[in-house]
Amino acid sequence: MRRNQAELIGDMIRKVMREQGLESPLNEYKLIQAWRDVLGNAIASYTTNLYIKNQILHVHLTSPALRQELMMGRERLVKNLNQYVGAEVIVNIIFH
């Protein structure tokens, strides 16, 4: 007897992760790791701490001038980071 309802392994893994509540933490981890890739090494070198709380990315920077510059492009950064991960992980960024 043949099985006609074959599923892709990737789809099955995503389904199990979603059911177990592991998809969101994994996407948050991916987004934090993507910070250096999206913004580059120069900006990442001024970053001391990154964490996500309530869909808000908190970024601690050592340069006030860089903080001001990034605040002006905040919406674009949110869009680019979410796009890099492939899911809407954050809705805002707060720079400290």
PDB file of N, CA and C in Angstrom:
ATOM      1  N   MET A   1       0.829  -1.170   0.000  1.00  0.00           N
ATOM      2  CA  MET A   1       0.000   0.000   0.000  1.00  0.00           C
ATOM      3  C   MET A   1       0.880   1.243   0.000  1.00  0.00           C
ATOM      4  N   ARG A   2       0.588   2.196  -0.883  1.00  0.00           N
ATOM      5  CA  ARG A   2       1.387   3.419  -1.002  1.00  0.00           C
ATOM      6  C   ARG A   2       0.757   4.556  -0.211  1.00  0.00           C
ATOM      7  N   ARG A   3       1.602   5.426   0.260  1.00  0.00           N
ATOM      8  CA  ARG A   3       1.127   6.624   0.954  1.00  0.00           C
ATOM      9  C   ARG A   3       1.152   7.787  -0.019  1.00  0.00           C
ATOM     10  N   ASN A   4       0.037   8.422  -0.199  1.00  0.00           N
ATOM     11  CA  ASN A   4      -0.057   9.536  -1.133  1.00  0.00           C
ATOM     12  C   ASN A   4       0.043  10.892  -0.443  1.00  0.00           C
ATOM     13  N   GLN A   5       0.077  10.911   0.852  1.00  0.00           N
ATOM     14  CA  GLN A   5       0.102  12.166   1.581  1.00  0.00           C
ATOM     15  C   GLN A   5       1.501  12.458   2.108  1.00  0.00           C
ATOM     16  N   ALA A   6       2.464  12.428   1.246  1.00  0.00           N
ATOM     17  CA  ALA A   6       3.853  12.697   1.632  1.00  0.00           C
ATOM     18  C   ALA A   6       4.019  14.186   1.932  1.00  0.00           C
ATOM     19  N   GLU A   7       4.796  14.505   2.977  1.00  0.00           N
ATOM     20  CA  GLU A   7       5.076  15.879   3.357  1.00  0.00           C
ATOM     21  C   GLU A   7       6.584  16.104   3.316  1.00  0.00           C
ATOM     22  N   LEU A   8       6.960  17.330   3.054  1.00  0.00           N
ATOM     23  CA  LEU A   8       8.374  17.677   3.086  1.00  0.00           C
ATOM     24  C   LEU A   8       8.854  17.714   4.531  1.00  0.00           C
ATOM     25  N   ILE A   9      10.063  17.265   4.762  1.00  0.00           N
ATOM     26  CA  ILE A   9      10.609  17.206   6.116  1.00  0.00           C
ATOM     27  C   ILE A   9      10.720  18.598   6.731  1.00  0.00           C
ATOM     28  N   GLY A  10      11.067  19.604   5.927  1.00  0.00           N
ATOM     29  CA  GLY A  10      11.169  20.971   6.427  1.00  0.00           C
ATOM     30  C   GLY A  10       9.835  21.500   6.920  1.00  0.00           C
ATOM     31  N   ASP A  11       8.767  21.181   6.194  1.00  0.00           N
ATOM     32  CA  ASP A  11       7.422  21.597   6.608  1.00  0.00           C
ATOM     33  C   ASP A  11       7.016  20.916   7.905  1.00  0.00           C
ATOM     34  N   MET A  12       7.383  19.652   8.029  1.00  0.00           N
ATOM     35  CA  MET A  12       7.050  18.915   9.247  1.00  0.00           C
ATOM     36  C   MET A  12       7.797  19.470  10.456  1.00  0.00           C
ATOM     37  N   ILE A  13       9.062  19.825  10.269  1.00  0.00           N
ATOM     38  CA  ILE A  13       9.848  20.381  11.369  1.00  0.00           C
ATOM     39  C   ILE A  13       9.272  21.722  11.803  1.00  0.00           C
ATOM     40  N   ARG A  14       8.928  22.599  10.838  1.00  0.00           N
ATOM     41  CA  ARG A  14       8.330  23.893  11.173  1.00  0.00           C
ATOM     42  C   ARG A  14       7.003  23.719  11.924  1.00  0.00           C
ATOM     43  N   LYS A  15       6.210  22.736  11.506  1.00  0.00           N
ATOM     44  CA  LYS A  15       4.921  22.481  12.147  1.00  0.00           C
ATOM     45  C   LYS A  15       5.126  22.053  13.601  1.00  0.00           C
ATOM     46  N   VAL A  16       6.056  21.149  13.839  1.00  0.00           N
ATOM     47  CA  VAL A  16       6.332  20.688  15.198  1.00  0.00           C
ATOM     48  C   VAL A  16       6.878  21.829  16.051  1.00  0.00           C
ATOM     49  N   MET A  17       7.768  22.628  15.492  1.00  0.00           N
ATOM     50  CA  MET A  17       8.333  23.753  16.246  1.00  0.00           C
ATOM     51  C   MET A  17       7.252  24.756  16.619  1.00  0.00           C
ATOM     52  N   ARG A  18       6.332  25.009  15.699  1.00  0.00           N
ATOM     53  CA  ARG A  18       5.235  25.940  15.963  1.00  0.00           C
ATOM     54  C   ARG A  18       4.336  25.385  17.063  1.00  0.00           C
ATOM     55  N   GLU A  19       4.025  24.093  16.988  1.00  0.00           N
ATOM     56  CA  GLU A  19       3.169  23.462  17.998  1.00  0.00           C
ATOM     57  C   GLU A  19       3.817  23.461  19.380  1.00  0.00           C
ATOM     58  N   GLN A  20       5.124  23.322  19.442  1.00  0.00           N
ATOM     59  CA  GLN A  20       5.842  23.287  20.711  1.00  0.00           C
ATOM     60  C   GLN A  20       6.219  24.675  21.224  1.00  0.00           C
ATOM     61  N   GLY A  21       5.922  25.725  20.446  1.00  0.00           N
ATOM     62  CA  GLY A  21       6.241  27.089  20.864  1.00  0.00           C
ATOM     63  C   GLY A  21       7.710  27.437  20.718  1.00  0.00           C
ATOM     64  N   LEU A  22       8.413  26.787  19.816  1.00  0.00           N
ATOM     65  CA  LEU A  22       9.842  27.021  19.639  1.00  0.00           C
ATOM     66  C   LEU A  22      10.165  27.896  18.445  1.00  0.00           C
ATOM     67  N   GLU A  23       9.187  28.186  17.601  1.00  0.00           N
ATOM     68  CA  GLU A  23       9.447  28.954  16.392  1.00  0.00           C
ATOM     69  C   GLU A  23       9.829  30.400  16.710  1.00  0.00           C
ATOM     70  N   SER A  24       9.119  31.025  17.629  1.00  0.00           N
ATOM     71  CA  SER A  24       9.381  32.418  17.962  1.00  0.00           C
ATOM     72  C   SER A  24      10.769  32.620  18.590  1.00  0.00           C
ATOM     73  N   PRO A  25      11.162  31.822  19.585  1.00  0.00           N
ATOM     74  CA  PRO A  25      12.515  31.997  20.136  1.00  0.00           C
ATOM     75  C   PRO A  25      13.623  31.769  19.109  1.00  0.00           C
ATOM     76  N   LEU A  26      13.403  30.832  18.199  1.00  0.00           N
ATOM     77  CA  LEU A  26      14.393  30.578  17.161  1.00  0.00           C
ATOM     78  C   LEU A  26      14.513  31.777  16.229  1.00  0.00           C
ATOM     79  N   ASN A  27      13.383  32.372  15.845  1.00  0.00           N
ATOM     80  CA  ASN A  27      13.410  33.562  14.989  1.00  0.00           C
ATOM     81  C   ASN A  27      14.065  34.742  15.701  1.00  0.00           C
ATOM     82  N   GLU A  28      13.836  34.884  17.013  1.00  0.00           N
ATOM     83  CA  GLU A  28      14.489  35.956  17.773  1.00  0.00           C
ATOM     84  C   GLU A  28      15.998  35.762  17.776  1.00  0.00           C
ATOM     85  N   TYR A  29      16.444  34.533  17.960  1.00  0.00           N
ATOM     86  CA  TYR A  29      17.873  34.233  17.925  1.00  0.00           C
ATOM     87  C   TYR A  29      18.463  34.557  16.556  1.00  0.00           C
ATOM     88  N   LYS A  30      17.754  34.160  15.493  1.00  0.00           N
ATOM     89  CA  LYS A  30      18.219  34.449  14.134  1.00  0.00           C
ATOM     90  C   LYS A  30      18.330  35.949  13.898  1.00  0.00           C
ATOM     91  N   LEU A  31      17.365  36.716  14.407  1.00  0.00           N
ATOM     92  CA  LEU A  31      17.386  38.163  14.201  1.00  0.00           C
ATOM     93  C   LEU A  31      18.576  38.801  14.912  1.00  0.00           C
ATOM     94  N   ILE A  32      18.851  38.376  16.124  1.00  0.00           N
ATOM     95  CA  ILE A  32      19.994  38.931  16.852  1.00  0.00           C
ATOM     96  C   ILE A  32      21.304  38.582  16.145  1.00  0.00           C
ATOM     97  N   GLN A  33      21.393  37.369  15.619  1.00  0.00           N
ATOM     98  CA  GLN A  33      22.584  36.974  14.868  1.00  0.00           C
ATOM     99  C   GLN A  33      22.692  37.733  13.551  1.00  0.00           C
ATOM    100  N   ALA A  34      21.560  38.170  12.997  1.00  0.00           N
ATOM    101  CA  ALA A  34      21.544  38.880  11.721  1.00  0.00           C
ATOM    102  C   ALA A  34      21.990  40.333  11.854  1.00  0.00           C
ATOM    103  N   TRP A  35      22.066  40.862  13.064  1.00  0.00           N
ATOM    104  CA  TRP A  35      22.444  42.265  13.274  1.00  0.00           C
ATOM    105  C   TRP A  35      23.762  42.594  12.572  1.00  0.00           C
ATOM    106  N   ARG A  36      24.773  41.780  12.765  1.00  0.00           N
ATOM    107  CA  ARG A  36      26.090  42.010  12.154  1.00  0.00           C
ATOM    108  C   ARG A  36      26.016  41.879  10.632  1.00  0.00           C
ATOM    109  N   ASP A  37      25.249  40.929  10.136  1.00  0.00           N
ATOM    110  CA  ASP A  37      25.142  40.730   8.686  1.00  0.00           C
ATOM    111  C   ASP A  37      24.419  41.889   8.005  1.00  0.00           C
ATOM    112  N   VAL A  38      23.358  42.394   8.616  1.00  0.00           N
ATOM    113  CA  VAL A  38      22.558  43.458   8.011  1.00  0.00           C
ATOM    114  C   VAL A  38      23.256  44.805   8.120  1.00  0.00           C
ATOM    115  N   LEU A  39      23.858  45.101   9.274  1.00  0.00           N
ATOM    116  CA  LEU A  39      24.449  46.426   9.504  1.00  0.00           C
ATOM    117  C   LEU A  39      25.946  46.492   9.266  1.00  0.00           C
ATOM    118  N   GLY A  40      26.599  45.368   9.215  1.00  0.00           N
ATOM    119  CA  GLY A  40      28.035  45.368   8.950  1.00  0.00           C
ATOM    120  C   GLY A  40      28.872  45.359  10.210  1.00  0.00           C
ATOM    121  N   ASN A  41      30.151  45.080  10.043  1.00  0.00           N
ATOM    122  CA  ASN A  41      31.071  44.967  11.178  1.00  0.00           C
ATOM    123  C   ASN A  41      31.349  46.299  11.854  1.00  0.00           C
ATOM    124  N   ALA A  42      31.381  47.388  11.079  1.00  0.00           N
ATOM    125  CA  ALA A  42      31.691  48.699  11.654  1.00  0.00           C
ATOM    126  C   ALA A  42      30.651  49.097  12.701  1.00  0.00           C
ATOM    127  N   ILE A  43      29.385  48.973  12.358  1.00  0.00           N
ATOM    128  CA  ILE A  43      28.326  49.341  13.309  1.00  0.00           C
ATOM    129  C   ILE A  43      28.239  48.308  14.425  1.00  0.00           C
ATOM    130  N   ALA A  44      28.401  47.052  14.101  1.00  0.00           N
ATOM    131  CA  ALA A  44      28.328  46.002  15.116  1.00  0.00           C
ATOM    132  C   ALA A  44      29.430  46.158  16.162  1.00  0.00           C
ATOM    133  N   SER A  45      30.553  46.760  15.802  1.00  0.00           N
ATOM    134  CA  SER A  45      31.630  46.954  16.773  1.00  0.00           C
ATOM    135  C   SER A  45      31.257  47.968  17.850  1.00  0.00           C
ATOM    136  N   TYR A  46      30.291  48.846  17.577  1.00  0.00           N
ATOM    137  CA  TYR A  46      29.809  49.820  18.568  1.00  0.00           C
ATOM    138  C   TYR A  46      28.636  49.278  19.375  1.00  0.00           C
ATOM    139  N   THR A  47      28.202  48.066  19.093  1.00  0.00           N
ATOM    140  CA  THR A  47      27.071  47.450  19.776  1.00  0.00           C
ATOM    141  C   THR A  47      27.581  46.614  20.938  1.00  0.00           C
ATOM    142  N   THR A  48      27.030  46.856  22.133  1.00  0.00           N
ATOM    143  CA  THR A  48      27.485  46.108  23.298  1.00  0.00           C
ATOM    144  C   THR A  48      26.488  45.054  23.747  1.00  0.00           C
ATOM    145  N   ASN A  49      25.195  45.277  23.531  1.00  0.00           N
ATOM    146  CA  ASN A  49      24.197  44.327  24.001  1.00  0.00           C
ATOM    147  C   ASN A  49      22.956  44.388  23.116  1.00  0.00           C
ATOM    148  N   LEU A  50      22.423  43.242  22.763  1.00  0.00           N
ATOM    149  CA  LEU A  50      21.193  43.125  21.975  1.00  0.00           C
ATOM    150  C   LEU A  50      20.270  42.126  22.669  1.00  0.00           C
ATOM    151  N   TYR A  51      19.014  42.494  22.800  1.00  0.00           N
ATOM    152  CA  TYR A  51      18.020  41.534  23.278  1.00  0.00           C
ATOM    153  C   TYR A  51      16.641  41.964  22.807  1.00  0.00           C
ATOM    154  N   ILE A  52      15.714  41.005  22.767  1.00  0.00           N
ATOM    155  CA  ILE A  52      14.349  41.253  22.309  1.00  0.00           C
ATOM    156  C   ILE A  52      13.407  41.003  23.477  1.00  0.00           C
ATOM    157  N   LYS A  53      12.523  41.969  23.703  1.00  0.00           N
ATOM    158  CA  LYS A  53      11.511  41.845  24.747  1.00  0.00           C
ATOM    159  C   LYS A  53      10.220  42.428  24.214  1.00  0.00           C
ATOM    160  N   ASN A  54       9.161  41.634  24.201  1.00  0.00           N
ATOM    161  CA  ASN A  54       7.846  42.064  23.707  1.00  0.00           C
ATOM    162  C   ASN A  54       7.906  42.595  22.283  1.00  0.00           C
ATOM    163  N   GLN A  55       8.578  41.893  21.416  1.00  0.00           N
ATOM    164  CA  GLN A  55       8.736  42.228  19.997  1.00  0.00           C
ATOM    165  C   GLN A  55       9.442  43.569  19.782  1.00  0.00           C
ATOM    166  N   ILE A  56      10.235  43.991  20.746  1.00  0.00           N
ATOM    167  CA  ILE A  56      11.030  45.214  20.624  1.00  0.00           C
ATOM    168  C   ILE A  56      12.496  44.836  20.791  1.00  0.00           C
ATOM    169  N   LEU A  57      13.299  45.199  19.800  1.00  0.00           N
ATOM    170  CA  LEU A  57      14.740  44.953  19.857  1.00  0.00           C
ATOM    171  C   LEU A  57      15.395  46.084  20.626  1.00  0.00           C
ATOM    172  N   HIS A  58      16.099  45.746  21.692  1.00  0.00           N
ATOM    173  CA  HIS A  58      16.831  46.721  22.494  1.00  0.00           C
ATOM    174  C   HIS A  58      18.304  46.617  22.109  1.00  0.00           C
ATOM    175  N   VAL A  59      18.884  47.761  21.727  1.00  0.00           N
ATOM    176  CA  VAL A  59      20.268  47.802  21.255  1.00  0.00           C
ATOM    177  C   VAL A  59      21.040  48.802  22.112  1.00  0.00           C
ATOM    178  N   HIS A  60      22.108  48.348  22.739  1.00  0.00           N
ATOM    179  CA  HIS A  60      22.982  49.230  23.512  1.00  0.00           C
ATOM    180  C   HIS A  60      24.177  49.600  22.640  1.00  0.00           C
ATOM    181  N   LEU A  61      24.370  50.905  22.456  1.00  0.00           N
ATOM    182  CA  LEU A  61      25.450  51.417  21.608  1.00  0.00           C
ATOM    183  C   LEU A  61      26.414  52.246  22.439  1.00  0.00           C
ATOM    184  N   THR A  62      27.677  52.273  22.008  1.00  0.00           N
ATOM    185  CA  THR A  62      28.687  53.058  22.713  1.00  0.00           C
ATOM    186  C   THR A  62      28.907  54.427  22.080  1.00  0.00           C
ATOM    187  N   SER A  63      28.281  54.700  20.952  1.00  0.00           N
ATOM    188  CA  SER A  63      28.463  55.967  20.254  1.00  0.00           C
ATOM    189  C   SER A  63      27.144  56.734  20.173  1.00  0.00           C
ATOM    190  N   PRO A  64      27.059  57.894  20.827  1.00  0.00           N
ATOM    191  CA  PRO A  64      25.829  58.702  20.749  1.00  0.00           C
ATOM    192  C   PRO A  64      25.523  59.177  19.324  1.00  0.00           C
ATOM    193  N   ALA A  65      26.544  59.473  18.546  1.00  0.00           N
ATOM    194  CA  ALA A  65      26.323  59.923  17.170  1.00  0.00           C
ATOM    195  C   ALA A  65      25.724  58.796  16.321  1.00  0.00           C
ATOM    196  N   LEU A  66      26.224  57.604  16.504  1.00  0.00           N
ATOM    197  CA  LEU A  66      25.685  56.451  15.780  1.00  0.00           C
ATOM    198  C   LEU A  66      24.253  56.170  16.222  1.00  0.00           C
ATOM    199  N   ARG A  67      23.981  56.326  17.509  1.00  0.00           N
ATOM    200  CA  ARG A  67      22.627  56.113  18.019  1.00  0.00           C
ATOM    201  C   ARG A  67      21.647  57.059  17.334  1.00  0.00           C
ATOM    202  N   GLN A  68      22.020  58.304  17.214  1.00  0.00           N
ATOM    203  CA  GLN A  68      21.160  59.294  16.560  1.00  0.00           C
ATOM    204  C   GLN A  68      20.951  58.942  15.082  1.00  0.00           C
ATOM    205  N   GLU A  69      22.003  58.531  14.422  1.00  0.00           N
ATOM    206  CA  GLU A  69      21.918  58.165  13.003  1.00  0.00           C
ATOM    207  C   GLU A  69      21.000  56.959  12.797  1.00  0.00           C
ATOM    208  N   LEU A  70      21.125  55.955  13.650  1.00  0.00           N
ATOM    209  CA  LEU A  70      20.293  54.763  13.518  1.00  0.00           C
ATOM    210  C   LEU A  70      18.836  55.038  13.872  1.00  0.00           C
ATOM    211  N   MET A  71      18.598  55.952  14.784  1.00  0.00           N
ATOM    212  CA  MET A  71      17.227  56.298  15.142  1.00  0.00           C
ATOM    213  C   MET A  71      16.463  56.873  13.953  1.00  0.00           C
ATOM    214  N   MET A  72      17.158  57.583  13.092  1.00  0.00           N
ATOM    215  CA  MET A  72      16.493  58.174  11.936  1.00  0.00           C
ATOM    216  C   MET A  72      16.101  57.110  10.911  1.00  0.00           C
ATOM    217  N   GLY A  73      16.793  55.993  10.866  1.00  0.00           N
ATOM    218  CA  GLY A  73      16.474  54.934   9.919  1.00  0.00           C
ATOM    219  C   GLY A  73      15.857  53.714  10.580  1.00  0.00           C
ATOM    220  N   ARG A  74      15.230  53.919  11.722  1.00  0.00           N
ATOM    221  CA  ARG A  74      14.698  52.823  12.533  1.00  0.00           C
ATOM    222  C   ARG A  74      13.681  51.960  11.774  1.00  0.00           C
ATOM    223  N   GLU A  75      12.740  52.574  11.083  1.00  0.00           N
ATOM    224  CA  GLU A  75      11.695  51.812  10.385  1.00  0.00           C
ATOM    225  C   GLU A  75      12.287  50.916   9.299  1.00  0.00           C
ATOM    226  N   ARG A  76      13.266  51.458   8.587  1.00  0.00           N
ATOM    227  CA  ARG A  76      13.914  50.668   7.542  1.00  0.00           C
ATOM    228  C   ARG A  76      14.717  49.512   8.145  1.00  0.00           C
ATOM    229  N   LEU A  77      15.345  49.755   9.291  1.00  0.00           N
ATOM    230  CA  LEU A  77      16.083  48.682   9.970  1.00  0.00           C
ATOM    231  C   LEU A  77      15.158  47.556  10.406  1.00  0.00           C
ATOM    232  N   VAL A  78      14.001  47.908  10.963  1.00  0.00           N
ATOM    233  CA  VAL A  78      13.025  46.902  11.379  1.00  0.00           C
ATOM    234  C   VAL A  78      12.622  46.057  10.176  1.00  0.00           C
ATOM    235  N   LYS A  79      12.329  46.728   9.076  1.00  0.00           N
ATOM    236  CA  LYS A  79      11.906  46.026   7.863  1.00  0.00           C
ATOM    237  C   LYS A  79      13.017  45.105   7.353  1.00  0.00           C
ATOM    238  N   ASN A  80      14.252  45.611   7.285  1.00  0.00           N
ATOM    239  CA  ASN A  80      15.371  44.822   6.764  1.00  0.00           C
ATOM    240  C   ASN A  80      15.696  43.617   7.656  1.00  0.00           C
ATOM    241  N   LEU A  81      15.666  43.807   8.965  1.00  0.00           N
ATOM    242  CA  LEU A  81      15.964  42.696   9.873  1.00  0.00           C
ATOM    243  C   LEU A  81      14.887  41.616   9.789  1.00  0.00           C
ATOM    244  N   ASN A  82      13.620  42.025   9.780  1.00  0.00           N
ATOM    245  CA  ASN A  82      12.532  41.053   9.655  1.00  0.00           C
ATOM    246  C   ASN A  82      12.608  40.317   8.324  1.00  0.00           C
ATOM    247  N   GLN A  83      12.930  41.048   7.276  1.00  0.00           N
ATOM    248  CA  GLN A  83      13.032  40.443   5.954  1.00  0.00           C
ATOM    249  C   GLN A  83      14.182  39.436   5.906  1.00  0.00           C
ATOM    250  N   TYR A  84      15.281  39.746   6.549  1.00  0.00           N
ATOM    251  CA  TYR A  84      16.433  38.854   6.585  1.00  0.00           C
ATOM    252  C   TYR A  84      16.075  37.529   7.251  1.00  0.00           C
ATOM    253  N   VAL A  85      15.292  37.606   8.332  1.00  0.00           N
ATOM    254  CA  VAL A  85      14.890  36.399   9.060  1.00  0.00           C
ATOM    255  C   VAL A  85      13.759  35.672   8.336  1.00  0.00           C
ATOM    256  N   GLY A  86      12.922  36.418   7.649  1.00  0.00           N
ATOM    257  CA  GLY A  86      11.806  35.801   6.932  1.00  0.00           C
ATOM    258  C   GLY A  86      10.532  35.722   7.748  1.00  0.00           C
ATOM    259  N   ALA A  87      10.449  36.507   8.826  1.00  0.00           N
ATOM    260  CA  ALA A  87       9.256  36.525   9.674  1.00  0.00           C
ATOM    261  C   ALA A  87       9.209  37.875  10.389  1.00  0.00           C
ATOM    262  N   GLU A  88       8.019  38.273  10.828  1.00  0.00           N
ATOM    263  CA  GLU A  88       7.907  39.523  11.581  1.00  0.00           C
ATOM    264  C   GLU A  88       8.207  39.235  13.044  1.00  0.00           C
ATOM    265  N   VAL A  89       9.455  39.452  13.399  1.00  0.00           N
ATOM    266  CA  VAL A  89       9.929  39.143  14.743  1.00  0.00           C
ATOM    267  C   VAL A  89       9.838  40.372  15.638  1.00  0.00           C
ATOM    268  N   ILE A  90      10.197  41.537  15.097  1.00  0.00           N
ATOM    269  CA  ILE A  90      10.177  42.773  15.879  1.00  0.00           C
ATOM    270  C   ILE A  90       9.277  43.801  15.206  1.00  0.00           C
ATOM    271  N   VAL A  91       8.771  44.724  16.025  1.00  0.00           N
ATOM    272  CA  VAL A  91       7.949  45.817  15.498  1.00  0.00           C
ATOM    273  C   VAL A  91       8.604  47.169  15.738  1.00  0.00           C
ATOM    274  N   ASN A  92       9.628  47.204  16.579  1.00  0.00           N
ATOM    275  CA  ASN A  92      10.300  48.470  16.900  1.00  0.00           C
ATOM    276  C   ASN A  92      11.713  48.180  17.410  1.00  0.00           C
ATOM    277  N   ILE A  93      12.538  49.214  17.394  1.00  0.00           N
ATOM    278  CA  ILE A  93      13.891  49.138  17.939  1.00  0.00           C
ATOM    279  C   ILE A  93      14.069  50.297  18.908  1.00  0.00           C
ATOM    280  N   ILE A  94      14.615  50.017  20.072  1.00  0.00           N
ATOM    281  CA  ILE A  94      14.960  51.066  21.041  1.00  0.00           C
ATOM    282  C   ILE A  94      16.468  51.057  21.191  1.00  0.00           C
ATOM    283  N   PHE A  95      17.071  52.230  21.008  1.00  0.00           N
ATOM    284  CA  PHE A  95      18.521  52.377  21.149  1.00  0.00           C
ATOM    285  C   PHE A  95      18.839  52.972  22.501  1.00  0.00           C
ATOM    286  N   HIS A  96      19.754  52.331  23.225  1.00  0.00           N
ATOM    287  CA  HIS A  96      20.178  52.800  24.550  1.00  0.00           C
ATOM    288  C   HIS A  96      21.607  53.278  24.470  1.00  0.00           C
TER     289      HIS A  96
END
